[in-house]
Amino acid sequence: MTPTAITVLAFTMSVDAFAVSLARGAACKEPRLREVLRTGFIFGTVEALTPVIGWGAGMAASSYVQAWDHWIAFTLLAGVGLRMLWLALFAHEEERPAVAQSFLLIVAAAIGTSIDAMAVGVSLAILDVDITIIAIAIGLATFLMSSAGMMLGRMIGERFGRMTEVVAGLALCVIGATILIEHIG
């Protein structure tokens, strides 16, 4: 693969993570740089590992991954989105957990947005490419896009408050449903 193709692939794989990070940034009241970098690191790491897992599985597991990837992504993203909606609409301020403490939600969202990268990894095994370079490129692009999404989301969240959390939760559900519909239809 050419460097241009790797770059395009890397940023294409990071678009879902950007959208989720945008939603996460909107839900945070004031994400600190540490939280922004932590989110970027988690998304980048998961997004870098999943194509390697898919590549390692190769053609033996491709039909299994393709048969279930959309359901896994839908379940994770819709679950996180519904939780965000519930917290935004029904939880009192003292019941709302600090977003910075929701490590498991970040990991679940990161896995949900990276399932497609595993399927890409399976197809990369056929192309006989250097998966290390591609995985690093995907991880770095996702780190950058997720961190930028958090910061942009913060600006949106400061301006529109809980309404952004509702929109963010709905967006996660829509992303999950879109993945599901694209694979079923």
Protein backbone atom coordinates (compact mmCIF):
# COMPACT_ATOMS: atom_id res chain seq x y z
CA MET A 1 0.00 0.00 0.00
CA THR A 2 1.16 3.51 -0.76
CA PRO A 3 1.62 6.05 2.04
CA THR A 4 -1.37 7.97 0.67
CA ALA A 5 -3.57 4.87 0.75
CA ILE A 6 -2.46 4.10 4.31
CA THR A 7 -3.24 7.67 5.41
CA VAL A 8 -6.68 7.62 3.81
CA LEU A 9 -7.41 4.22 5.37
CA ALA A 10 -6.21 5.40 8.79
CA PHE A 11 -8.39 8.51 8.84
CA THR A 12 -11.36 6.64 7.39
CA MET A 13 -11.13 4.11 10.22
CA SER A 14 -11.11 6.94 12.78
CA VAL A 15 -14.31 8.74 11.71
CA ASP A 16 -16.60 6.77 14.04
CA ALA A 17 -14.21 7.34 16.94
CA PHE A 18 -14.27 11.07 16.15
CA ALA A 19 -18.07 11.10 16.28
CA VAL A 20 -18.15 9.25 19.61
CA SER A 21 -15.45 11.51 21.05
CA LEU A 22 -17.37 14.56 19.88
CA ALA A 23 -20.38 13.25 21.79
CA ARG A 24 -18.22 12.46 24.80
CA GLY A 25 -16.68 15.92 24.77
CA ALA A 26 -20.14 17.47 24.62
CA ALA A 27 -21.20 15.42 27.65
CA CYS A 28 -18.17 16.48 29.69
CA LYS A 29 -18.56 19.72 31.55
CA GLU A 30 -14.90 20.67 31.28
CA PRO A 31 -12.68 17.85 30.07
CA ARG A 32 -9.11 18.40 31.13
CA LEU A 33 -6.20 17.80 28.82
CA ARG A 34 -5.52 14.57 30.72
CA GLU A 35 -9.05 13.31 29.94
CA VAL A 36 -8.78 14.35 26.29
CA LEU A 37 -5.47 12.51 25.92
CA ARG A 38 -6.78 9.48 27.83
CA THR A 39 -9.78 9.21 25.53
CA GLY A 40 -7.58 9.61 22.46
CA PHE A 41 -5.16 7.00 23.79
CA ILE A 42 -7.88 4.44 24.52
CA PHE A 43 -9.58 4.90 21.16
CA GLY A 44 -6.24 4.93 19.33
CA THR A 45 -4.98 1.81 21.07
CA VAL A 46 -8.16 -0.19 20.50
CA GLU A 47 -8.40 1.00 16.90
CA ALA A 48 -4.75 0.00 16.29
CA LEU A 49 -5.16 -3.44 17.85
CA THR A 50 -8.34 -4.55 16.11
CA PRO A 51 -6.96 -4.66 12.54
CA VAL A 52 -4.01 -6.65 13.87
CA ILE A 53 -6.44 -9.11 15.46
CA GLY A 54 -8.40 -9.30 12.21
CA TRP A 55 -5.20 -9.68 10.18
CA GLY A 56 -4.04 -12.46 12.50
CA ALA A 57 -7.31 -14.27 12.20
CA GLY A 58 -6.98 -14.08 8.43
CA MET A 59 -9.41 -15.83 6.19
CA ALA A 60 -10.22 -18.58 8.71
CA ALA A 61 -12.33 -16.26 10.83
CA SER A 62 -13.52 -13.79 8.20
CA SER A 63 -16.97 -15.30 7.82
CA TYR A 64 -17.45 -15.39 11.60
CA VAL A 65 -16.30 -11.79 12.06
CA GLN A 66 -18.46 -10.58 9.19
CA ALA A 67 -21.46 -12.51 10.49
CA TRP A 68 -21.44 -10.85 13.92
CA ASP A 69 -19.41 -7.60 13.73
CA HIS A 70 -22.43 -5.40 13.03
CA TRP A 71 -24.42 -6.86 15.95
CA ILE A 72 -21.52 -6.34 18.36
CA ALA A 73 -20.97 -2.76 17.20
CA PHE A 74 -24.71 -1.99 17.36
CA THR A 75 -25.07 -3.42 20.87
CA LEU A 76 -22.08 -1.55 22.28
CA LEU A 77 -22.85 1.80 20.66
CA ALA A 78 -26.59 1.67 21.31
CA GLY A 79 -25.96 0.65 24.93
CA VAL A 80 -23.60 3.56 25.54
CA GLY A 81 -25.96 5.93 23.67
CA LEU A 82 -29.02 4.83 25.63
CA ARG A 83 -27.14 5.25 28.89
CA MET A 84 -26.16 8.79 27.86
CA LEU A 85 -29.78 9.55 26.98
CA TRP A 86 -31.05 8.21 30.29
CA LEU A 87 -28.50 10.24 32.27
CA ALA A 88 -29.24 13.40 30.29
CA LEU A 89 -33.01 13.12 30.53
CA PHE A 90 -33.75 11.45 33.85
CA ALA A 91 -30.80 11.53 36.25
CA HIS A 92 -30.54 14.26 38.84
CA GLU A 93 -27.25 16.14 38.89
CA GLU A 94 -25.99 14.25 41.96
CA GLU A 95 -26.82 10.88 40.33
CA ARG A 96 -24.85 11.66 37.18
CA PRO A 97 -21.42 10.01 37.23
CA ALA A 98 -18.43 12.07 36.32
CA VAL A 99 -17.75 11.32 32.67
CA ALA A 100 -14.04 11.20 33.40
CA GLN A 101 -14.61 8.18 35.63
CA SER A 102 -16.44 6.13 33.01
CA PHE A 103 -13.44 4.14 31.77
CA LEU A 104 -15.54 1.10 30.87
CA LEU A 105 -17.88 3.24 28.76
CA ILE A 106 -14.91 4.62 26.83
CA VAL A 107 -13.57 1.13 26.22
CA ALA A 108 -17.01 -0.17 25.17
CA ALA A 109 -17.44 2.72 22.74
CA ALA A 110 -13.90 2.23 21.42
CA ILE A 111 -14.57 -1.46 20.79
CA GLY A 112 -17.90 -0.65 19.17
CA THR A 113 -16.31 1.81 16.76
CA SER A 114 -13.37 -0.45 15.93
CA ILE A 115 -15.16 -3.67 14.97
CA ASP A 116 -15.03 -2.60 11.33
CA ALA A 117 -11.25 -2.25 11.65
CA MET A 118 -11.07 -5.95 12.52
CA ALA A 119 -12.87 -6.81 9.30
CA VAL A 120 -10.46 -4.50 7.44
CA GLY A 121 -7.60 -6.40 9.07
CA VAL A 122 -8.96 -9.66 7.67
CA SER A 123 -8.95 -8.19 4.17
CA LEU A 124 -5.45 -6.77 4.68
CA ALA A 125 -4.21 -10.32 5.31
CA ILE A 126 -5.17 -11.15 1.73
CA LEU A 127 -3.21 -8.15 0.41
CA ASP A 128 0.00 -9.25 2.17
CA VAL A 129 0.78 -5.80 3.61
CA ASP A 130 2.89 -4.73 6.59
CA ILE A 131 0.17 -4.69 9.24
CA THR A 132 2.46 -2.98 11.78
CA ILE A 133 2.75 0.23 9.77
CA ILE A 134 -0.96 0.26 9.00
CA ALA A 135 -1.95 -0.41 12.63
CA ILE A 136 0.33 2.39 13.87
CA ALA A 137 -1.12 4.78 11.27
CA ILE A 138 -4.69 3.87 12.25
CA GLY A 139 -3.88 4.24 15.96
CA LEU A 140 -2.26 7.65 15.51
CA ALA A 141 -5.04 8.95 13.26
CA THR A 142 -7.66 7.75 15.74
CA PHE A 143 -5.76 9.33 18.65
CA LEU A 144 -5.71 12.67 16.81
CA MET A 145 -9.33 12.48 15.68
CA SER A 146 -10.63 11.38 19.10
CA SER A 147 -8.71 14.09 20.93
CA ALA A 148 -9.93 16.74 18.46
CA GLY A 149 -13.48 15.40 18.81
CA MET A 150 -13.33 15.75 22.60
CA MET A 151 -12.17 19.37 22.37
CA LEU A 152 -14.72 20.32 19.72
CA GLY A 153 -17.45 18.53 21.66
CA ARG A 154 -16.53 20.49 24.76
CA MET A 155 -17.13 23.77 22.95
CA ILE A 156 -20.50 22.53 21.73
CA GLY A 157 -21.42 21.16 25.17
CA GLU A 158 -20.59 24.38 26.98
CA ARG A 159 -22.93 26.27 24.72
CA PHE A 160 -25.91 23.92 24.65
CA GLY A 161 -25.72 21.95 27.94
CA ARG A 162 -27.76 18.79 28.46
CA MET A 163 -29.32 19.06 25.01
CA THR A 164 -25.92 18.09 23.55
CA GLU A 165 -25.90 14.99 25.72
CA VAL A 166 -29.30 14.01 24.33
CA VAL A 167 -28.07 14.60 20.77
CA ALA A 168 -24.84 12.73 21.53
CA GLY A 169 -26.72 9.73 22.93
CA LEU A 170 -29.01 9.71 19.92
CA ALA A 171 -25.98 10.01 17.60
CA LEU A 172 -24.37 6.93 19.14
CA CYS A 173 -27.60 4.98 18.71
CA VAL A 174 -27.85 6.15 15.09
CA ILE A 175 -24.22 5.19 14.36
CA GLY A 176 -24.87 1.73 15.81
CA ALA A 177 -28.14 1.36 13.90
CA THR A 178 -26.48 2.54 10.67
CA ILE A 179 -23.76 -0.09 11.03
CA LEU A 180 -26.43 -2.72 11.62
CA ILE A 181 -28.61 -1.64 8.69
CA GLU A 182 -25.66 -1.44 6.28
CA HIS A 183 -24.68 -5.01 7.07
CA ILE A 184 -28.15 -6.50 7.12
CA GLY A 185 -29.49 -4.70 4.04
